Amino acid sequence: MKTRRRIRTLTLLLVVLAASPSLATNEPAGEEKRFGFGLSVGYGEGVAVRAVQKGKDVGDVEWLAIEPWIRMRLAHLGEGQHWYDGTLSALLMGTVVRNFEPHSGDSGGAVAALRYTVRRGHTLRPYFEAGLGVGKLDFRLKDQADGVCFFIHTTIGVRWSVSDRFALLAGFNWQHISNAGINPPNPGLDTLGIRIGIEIQ
């Protein structure tokens, strides 16, 4: 009974806080608030961009990723007078990847990243994101060993502020996964894909 009462109280408190006009900010349209959280879905396919990857099954991967993340604004850069003036934010993302080709498999881990969003004061704002992470790979590939892996994550996209609290994001993503030579073979996985998401702040 006490647990149910606490859950109801917490739910009511969250609803009141979310609806409270006292929490509204006077920041320009499209501006990120101090904290936000979101969920992205990505699709990607392998590319053999290096000689060591040519003719190997690392170029045949095809995956779907789900990435929950939290964001914290670090700083405003510039006065907002130029297109390149923007907002620098830090992100902590979880990533869960399901691979479909050439064999079914999974991967998961965490990525720490920085996002720079330009065009302060606009509803539609381009952004660039880059990060590093660590996780575990289980793609069952012939040419890439499973086990501990490292992620290099980059995205170029656009952020659209639908309202004061919600934003949609879409972009092109390049990701590199390898084990830094810990466990051969290790030609590395390079993938290109798309990423869409929603942010609540």
C-alpha atoms as a PDB file:
ATOM      1  CA  MET A   1       0.000   0.000   0.000  1.00  0.00           C
ATOM      2  CA  LYS A   2       2.798   2.425   0.910  1.00  0.00           C
ATOM      3  CA  THR A   3       4.596   1.607  -2.341  1.00  0.00           C
ATOM      4  CA  ARG A   4       1.484   2.381  -4.402  1.00  0.00           C
ATOM      5  CA  ARG A   5       0.993   5.662  -2.542  1.00  0.00           C
ATOM      6  CA  ARG A   6       4.599   6.653  -3.184  1.00  0.00           C
ATOM      7  CA  ILE A   7       4.306   5.817  -6.883  1.00  0.00           C
ATOM      8  CA  ARG A   8       1.119   7.896  -7.186  1.00  0.00           C
ATOM      9  CA  THR A   9       2.742  10.800  -5.326  1.00  0.00           C
ATOM     10  CA  LEU A  10       5.855  10.672  -7.507  1.00  0.00           C
ATOM     11  CA  THR A  11       3.761  10.471 -10.686  1.00  0.00           C
ATOM     12  CA  LEU A  12       1.667  13.463  -9.597  1.00  0.00           C
ATOM     13  CA  LEU A  13       4.807  15.426  -8.749  1.00  0.00           C
ATOM     14  CA  LEU A  14       6.339  14.710 -12.163  1.00  0.00           C
ATOM     15  CA  VAL A  15       3.130  15.789 -13.922  1.00  0.00           C
ATOM     16  CA  VAL A  16       2.985  19.024 -11.923  1.00  0.00           C
ATOM     17  CA  LEU A  17       6.659  19.787 -12.586  1.00  0.00           C
ATOM     18  CA  ALA A  18       6.306  19.090 -16.295  1.00  0.00           C
ATOM     19  CA  ALA A  19       3.270  21.380 -16.568  1.00  0.00           C
ATOM     20  CA  SER A  20       4.552  24.107 -14.288  1.00  0.00           C
ATOM     21  CA  PRO A  21       4.898  27.460 -16.100  1.00  0.00           C
ATOM     22  CA  SER A  22       7.455  28.526 -13.519  1.00  0.00           C
ATOM     23  CA  LEU A  23       9.954  26.180 -15.176  1.00  0.00           C
ATOM     24  CA  ALA A  24       9.642  27.844 -18.550  1.00  0.00           C
ATOM     25  CA  THR A  25      12.746  29.598 -19.826  1.00  0.00           C
ATOM     26  CA  ASN A  26      13.148  32.814 -21.749  1.00  0.00           C
ATOM     27  CA  GLU A  27      15.751  31.327 -24.070  1.00  0.00           C
ATOM     28  CA  PRO A  28      15.429  31.866 -27.834  1.00  0.00           C
ATOM     29  CA  ALA A  29      13.362  29.512 -29.952  1.00  0.00           C
ATOM     30  CA  GLY A  30      15.145  26.265 -30.675  1.00  0.00           C
ATOM     31  CA  GLU A  31      17.589  26.653 -27.784  1.00  0.00           C
ATOM     32  CA  GLU A  32      18.491  23.558 -25.806  1.00  0.00           C
ATOM     33  CA  LYS A  33      17.650  23.673 -22.128  1.00  0.00           C
ATOM     34  CA  ARG A  34      20.230  22.675 -19.559  1.00  0.00           C
ATOM     35  CA  PHE A  35      19.233  18.988 -19.529  1.00  0.00           C
ATOM     36  CA  GLY A  36      17.426  16.723 -21.942  1.00  0.00           C
ATOM     37  CA  PHE A  37      16.970  13.059 -22.663  1.00  0.00           C
ATOM     38  CA  GLY A  38      16.000  11.189 -25.762  1.00  0.00           C
ATOM     39  CA  LEU A  39      15.866   8.068 -27.845  1.00  0.00           C
ATOM     40  CA  SER A  40      17.339   7.475 -31.292  1.00  0.00           C
ATOM     41  CA  VAL A  41      16.906   4.665 -33.797  1.00  0.00           C
ATOM     42  CA  GLY A  42      19.568   4.039 -36.416  1.00  0.00           C
ATOM     43  CA  TYR A  43      20.035   1.868 -39.487  1.00  0.00           C
ATOM     44  CA  GLY A  44      23.392   1.205 -41.095  1.00  0.00           C
ATOM     45  CA  GLU A  45      25.262  -0.921 -43.602  1.00  0.00           C
ATOM     46  CA  GLY A  46      28.896  -1.941 -43.724  1.00  0.00           C
ATOM     47  CA  VAL A  47      31.393  -0.252 -46.027  1.00  0.00           C
ATOM     48  CA  ALA A  48      34.892  -1.514 -46.865  1.00  0.00           C
ATOM     49  CA  VAL A  49      36.760   1.786 -46.862  1.00  0.00           C
ATOM     50  CA  ARG A  50      40.193   0.350 -46.083  1.00  0.00           C
ATOM     51  CA  ALA A  51      42.294  -2.183 -47.986  1.00  0.00           C
ATOM     52  CA  VAL A  52      42.295  -4.587 -45.032  1.00  0.00           C
ATOM     53  CA  GLN A  53      38.475  -4.786 -45.259  1.00  0.00           C
ATOM     54  CA  LYS A  54      38.230  -5.540 -48.992  1.00  0.00           C
ATOM     55  CA  GLY A  55      36.539  -8.851 -49.764  1.00  0.00           C
ATOM     56  CA  LYS A  56      35.790  -9.577 -46.094  1.00  0.00           C
ATOM     57  CA  ASP A  57      32.426 -10.045 -44.428  1.00  0.00           C
ATOM     58  CA  VAL A  58      32.841  -6.890 -42.322  1.00  0.00           C
ATOM     59  CA  GLY A  59      31.553  -5.004 -45.361  1.00  0.00           C
ATOM     60  CA  ASP A  60      28.346  -7.047 -45.448  1.00  0.00           C
ATOM     61  CA  VAL A  61      26.893  -6.127 -42.070  1.00  0.00           C
ATOM     62  CA  GLU A  62      23.429  -4.574 -41.853  1.00  0.00           C
ATOM     63  CA  TRP A  63      22.221  -3.432 -38.463  1.00  0.00           C
ATOM     64  CA  LEU A  64      19.525  -1.640 -36.504  1.00  0.00           C
ATOM     65  CA  ALA A  65      20.477   0.331 -33.373  1.00  0.00           C
ATOM     66  CA  ILE A  66      18.483   1.723 -30.457  1.00  0.00           C
ATOM     67  CA  GLU A  67      20.195   4.473 -28.464  1.00  0.00           C
ATOM     68  CA  PRO A  68      18.746   6.044 -25.304  1.00  0.00           C
ATOM     69  CA  TRP A  69      20.714   9.099 -24.217  1.00  0.00           C
ATOM     70  CA  ILE A  70      20.913  11.987 -21.801  1.00  0.00           C
ATOM     71  CA  ARG A  71      22.250  15.421 -22.692  1.00  0.00           C
ATOM     72  CA  MET A  72      23.725  18.231 -20.637  1.00  0.00           C
ATOM     73  CA  ARG A  73      24.383  21.669 -22.104  1.00  0.00           C
ATOM     74  CA  LEU A  74      27.958  22.756 -21.395  1.00  0.00           C
ATOM     75  CA  ALA A  75      28.214  26.210 -22.948  1.00  0.00           C
ATOM     76  CA  HIS A  76      26.939  28.712 -25.463  1.00  0.00           C
ATOM     77  CA  LEU A  77      29.674  29.641 -27.927  1.00  0.00           C
ATOM     78  CA  GLY A  78      29.359  33.041 -29.571  1.00  0.00           C
ATOM     79  CA  GLU A  79      26.724  35.722 -29.170  1.00  0.00           C
ATOM     80  CA  GLY A  80      24.295  34.274 -31.687  1.00  0.00           C
ATOM     81  CA  GLN A  81      25.119  36.857 -34.342  1.00  0.00           C
ATOM     82  CA  HIS A  82      26.716  34.391 -36.771  1.00  0.00           C
ATOM     83  CA  TRP A  83      25.459  31.114 -38.235  1.00  0.00           C
ATOM     84  CA  TYR A  84      28.325  29.216 -36.607  1.00  0.00           C
ATOM     85  CA  ASP A  85      27.532  30.481 -33.088  1.00  0.00           C
ATOM     86  CA  GLY A  86      26.105  27.542 -31.228  1.00  0.00           C
ATOM     87  CA  THR A  87      25.650  25.316 -28.225  1.00  0.00           C
ATOM     88  CA  LEU A  88      28.071  22.680 -26.957  1.00  0.00           C
ATOM     89  CA  SER A  89      26.521  19.729 -25.122  1.00  0.00           C
ATOM     90  CA  ALA A  90      27.769  16.495 -23.574  1.00  0.00           C
ATOM     91  CA  LEU A  91      25.922  13.221 -24.135  1.00  0.00           C
ATOM     92  CA  LEU A  92      25.983   9.811 -22.529  1.00  0.00           C
ATOM     93  CA  MET A  93      24.415   7.198 -24.783  1.00  0.00           C
ATOM     94  CA  GLY A  94      23.613   3.560 -24.415  1.00  0.00           C
ATOM     95  CA  THR A  95      23.622   1.577 -27.651  1.00  0.00           C
ATOM     96  CA  VAL A  96      21.987  -1.741 -28.454  1.00  0.00           C
ATOM     97  CA  VAL A  97      22.680  -3.071 -31.956  1.00  0.00           C
ATOM     98  CA  ARG A  98      20.993  -5.947 -33.765  1.00  0.00           C
ATOM     99  CA  ASN A  99      22.874  -7.218 -36.820  1.00  0.00           C
ATOM    100  CA  PHE A 100      21.072  -9.055 -39.635  1.00  0.00           C
ATOM    101  CA  GLU A 101      23.739  -9.749 -42.284  1.00  0.00           C
ATOM    102  CA  PRO A 102      25.747 -11.820 -43.072  1.00  0.00           C
ATOM    103  CA  HIS A 103      24.809 -13.512 -39.780  1.00  0.00           C
ATOM    104  CA  SER A 104      22.473 -12.480 -36.993  1.00  0.00           C
ATOM    105  CA  GLY A 105      24.172 -11.061 -33.932  1.00  0.00           C
ATOM    106  CA  ASP A 106      24.166  -8.364 -31.285  1.00  0.00           C
ATOM    107  CA  SER A 107      26.326  -5.630 -29.839  1.00  0.00           C
ATOM    108  CA  GLY A 108      25.903  -3.209 -26.976  1.00  0.00           C
ATOM    109  CA  GLY A 109      27.757  -0.640 -24.961  1.00  0.00           C
ATOM    110  CA  ALA A 110      27.975   2.992 -23.899  1.00  0.00           C
ATOM    111  CA  VAL A 111      29.274   6.063 -25.719  1.00  0.00           C
ATOM    112  CA  ALA A 112      30.336   9.461 -24.338  1.00  0.00           C
ATOM    113  CA  ALA A 113      29.977  12.192 -26.954  1.00  0.00           C
ATOM    114  CA  LEU A 114      29.981  15.924 -27.626  1.00  0.00           C
ATOM    115  CA  ARG A 115      27.356  17.657 -29.777  1.00  0.00           C
ATOM    116  CA  TYR A 116      27.768  21.113 -31.302  1.00  0.00           C
ATOM    117  CA  THR A 117      24.551  22.709 -32.585  1.00  0.00           C
ATOM    118  CA  VAL A 118      24.816  25.881 -34.715  1.00  0.00           C
ATOM    119  CA  ARG A 119      22.369  28.689 -35.633  1.00  0.00           C
ATOM    120  CA  ARG A 120      21.340  29.767 -32.150  1.00  0.00           C
ATOM    121  CA  GLY A 121      17.832  31.169 -31.936  1.00  0.00           C
ATOM    122  CA  HIS A 122      16.508  29.160 -34.896  1.00  0.00           C
ATOM    123  CA  THR A 123      13.979  26.347 -34.830  1.00  0.00           C
ATOM    124  CA  LEU A 124      15.905  24.275 -37.392  1.00  0.00           C
ATOM    125  CA  ARG A 125      19.529  23.830 -36.328  1.00  0.00           C
ATOM    126  CA  PRO A 126      22.313  21.694 -37.875  1.00  0.00           C
ATOM    127  CA  TYR A 127      24.542  19.765 -35.492  1.00  0.00           C
ATOM    128  CA  PHE A 128      27.694  17.655 -35.431  1.00  0.00           C
ATOM    129  CA  GLU A 129      28.237  14.875 -32.924  1.00  0.00           C
ATOM    130  CA  ALA A 130      31.324  12.786 -32.130  1.00  0.00           C
ATOM    131  CA  GLY A 131      32.055  10.283 -29.380  1.00  0.00           C
ATOM    132  CA  LEU A 132      33.970   7.279 -28.117  1.00  0.00           C
ATOM    133  CA  GLY A 133      32.621   4.222 -26.366  1.00  0.00           C
ATOM    134  CA  VAL A 134      33.191   0.683 -25.212  1.00  0.00           C
ATOM    135  CA  GLY A 135      31.034  -2.426 -25.349  1.00  0.00           C
ATOM    136  CA  LYS A 136      30.774  -6.026 -26.477  1.00  0.00           C
ATOM    137  CA  LEU A 137      30.486  -7.394 -29.999  1.00  0.00           C
ATOM    138  CA  ASP A 138      28.757 -10.682 -30.890  1.00  0.00           C
ATOM    139  CA  PHE A 139      28.202 -10.543 -34.677  1.00  0.00           C
ATOM    140  CA  ARG A 140      29.648 -14.043 -35.338  1.00  0.00           C
ATOM    141  CA  LEU A 141      31.639 -12.791 -38.334  1.00  0.00           C
ATOM    142  CA  LYS A 142      34.450 -14.777 -39.940  1.00  0.00           C
ATOM    143  CA  ASP A 143      36.745 -11.760 -40.344  1.00  0.00           C
ATOM    144  CA  GLN A 144      36.082  -9.787 -37.139  1.00  0.00           C
ATOM    145  CA  ALA A 145      36.584 -11.281 -33.680  1.00  0.00           C
ATOM    146  CA  ASP A 146      33.799 -11.010 -31.128  1.00  0.00           C
ATOM    147  CA  GLY A 147      34.321  -9.795 -27.580  1.00  0.00           C
ATOM    148  CA  VAL A 148      35.295  -6.436 -26.109  1.00  0.00           C
ATOM    149  CA  CYS A 149      34.967  -3.659 -28.682  1.00  0.00           C
ATOM    150  CA  PHE A 150      35.389   0.094 -28.978  1.00  0.00           C
ATOM    151  CA  PHE A 151      33.095   2.519 -30.800  1.00  0.00           C
ATOM    152  CA  ILE A 152      33.934   5.669 -32.728  1.00  0.00           C
ATOM    153  CA  HIS A 153      30.647   7.458 -33.338  1.00  0.00           C
ATOM    154  CA  THR A 154      29.961  10.500 -35.546  1.00  0.00           C
ATOM    155  CA  THR A 155      26.728  12.064 -36.786  1.00  0.00           C
ATOM    156  CA  ILE A 156      25.945  15.092 -38.926  1.00  0.00           C
ATOM    157  CA  GLY A 157      22.309  16.073 -38.705  1.00  0.00           C
ATOM    158  CA  VAL A 158      19.631  18.618 -37.981  1.00  0.00           C
ATOM    159  CA  ARG A 159      17.624  19.356 -34.839  1.00  0.00           C
ATOM    160  CA  TRP A 160      14.059  20.650 -35.207  1.00  0.00           C
ATOM    161  CA  SER A 161      12.409  22.191 -32.133  1.00  0.00           C
ATOM    162  CA  VAL A 162       8.781  21.144 -32.422  1.00  0.00           C
ATOM    163  CA  SER A 163       7.925  22.928 -29.160  1.00  0.00           C
ATOM    164  CA  ASP A 164       9.588  24.312 -26.055  1.00  0.00           C
ATOM    165  CA  ARG A 165       9.962  20.794 -24.669  1.00  0.00           C
ATOM    166  CA  PHE A 166      10.235  18.504 -27.694  1.00  0.00           C
ATOM    167  CA  ALA A 167      12.702  18.280 -30.568  1.00  0.00           C
ATOM    168  CA  LEU A 168      13.181  15.869 -33.451  1.00  0.00           C
ATOM    169  CA  LEU A 169      16.632  14.937 -34.738  1.00  0.00           C
ATOM    170  CA  ALA A 170      17.728  13.289 -37.987  1.00  0.00           C
ATOM    171  CA  GLY A 171      21.141  12.732 -39.454  1.00  0.00           C
ATOM    172  CA  PHE A 172      23.734  10.654 -41.257  1.00  0.00           C
ATOM    173  CA  ASN A 173      25.892   8.442 -39.077  1.00  0.00           C
ATOM    174  CA  TRP A 174      29.351   6.883 -39.505  1.00  0.00           C
ATOM    175  CA  GLN A 175      30.445   4.365 -36.918  1.00  0.00           C
ATOM    176  CA  HIS A 176      33.635   2.380 -36.495  1.00  0.00           C
ATOM    177  CA  ILE A 177      33.782  -0.712 -34.285  1.00  0.00           C
ATOM    178  CA  SER A 178      36.971  -2.633 -33.528  1.00  0.00           C
ATOM    179  CA  ASN A 179      38.862  -4.153 -30.621  1.00  0.00           C
ATOM    180  CA  ALA A 180      42.097  -2.155 -31.054  1.00  0.00           C
ATOM    181  CA  GLY A 181      44.023  -5.322 -31.866  1.00  0.00           C
ATOM    182  CA  ILE A 182      43.216  -7.049 -28.561  1.00  0.00           C
ATOM    183  CA  ASN A 183      41.799 -10.119 -30.295  1.00  0.00           C
ATOM    184  CA  PRO A 184      42.591 -10.883 -33.969  1.00  0.00           C
ATOM    185  CA  PRO A 185      41.297 -10.866 -36.611  1.00  0.00           C
ATOM    186  CA  ASN A 186      40.461  -7.176 -36.396  1.00  0.00           C
ATOM    187  CA  PRO A 187      39.969  -5.353 -39.722  1.00  0.00           C
ATOM    188  CA  GLY A 188      37.258  -3.318 -37.986  1.00  0.00           C
ATOM    189  CA  LEU A 189      33.666  -2.580 -38.906  1.00  0.00           C
ATOM    190  CA  ASP A 190      32.827   0.681 -40.657  1.00  0.00           C
ATOM    191  CA  THR A 191      29.170   1.484 -41.242  1.00  0.00           C
ATOM    192  CA  LEU A 192      27.205   4.327 -42.795  1.00  0.00           C
ATOM    193  CA  GLY A 193      23.569   4.906 -42.013  1.00  0.00           C
ATOM    194  CA  ILE A 194      20.778   7.163 -40.886  1.00  0.00           C
ATOM    195  CA  ARG A 195      19.683   8.079 -37.379  1.00  0.00           C
ATOM    196  CA  ILE A 196      16.408   9.623 -36.197  1.00  0.00           C
ATOM    197  CA  GLY A 197      15.413  10.522 -32.671  1.00  0.00           C
ATOM    198  CA  ILE A 198      13.301  12.555 -30.288  1.00  0.00           C
ATOM    199  CA  GLU A 199      14.451  14.692 -27.378  1.00  0.00           C
ATOM    200  CA  ILE A 200      12.437  15.753 -24.339  1.00  0.00           C
ATOM    201  CA  GLN A 201      13.726  18.635 -22.226  1.00  0.00           C
END
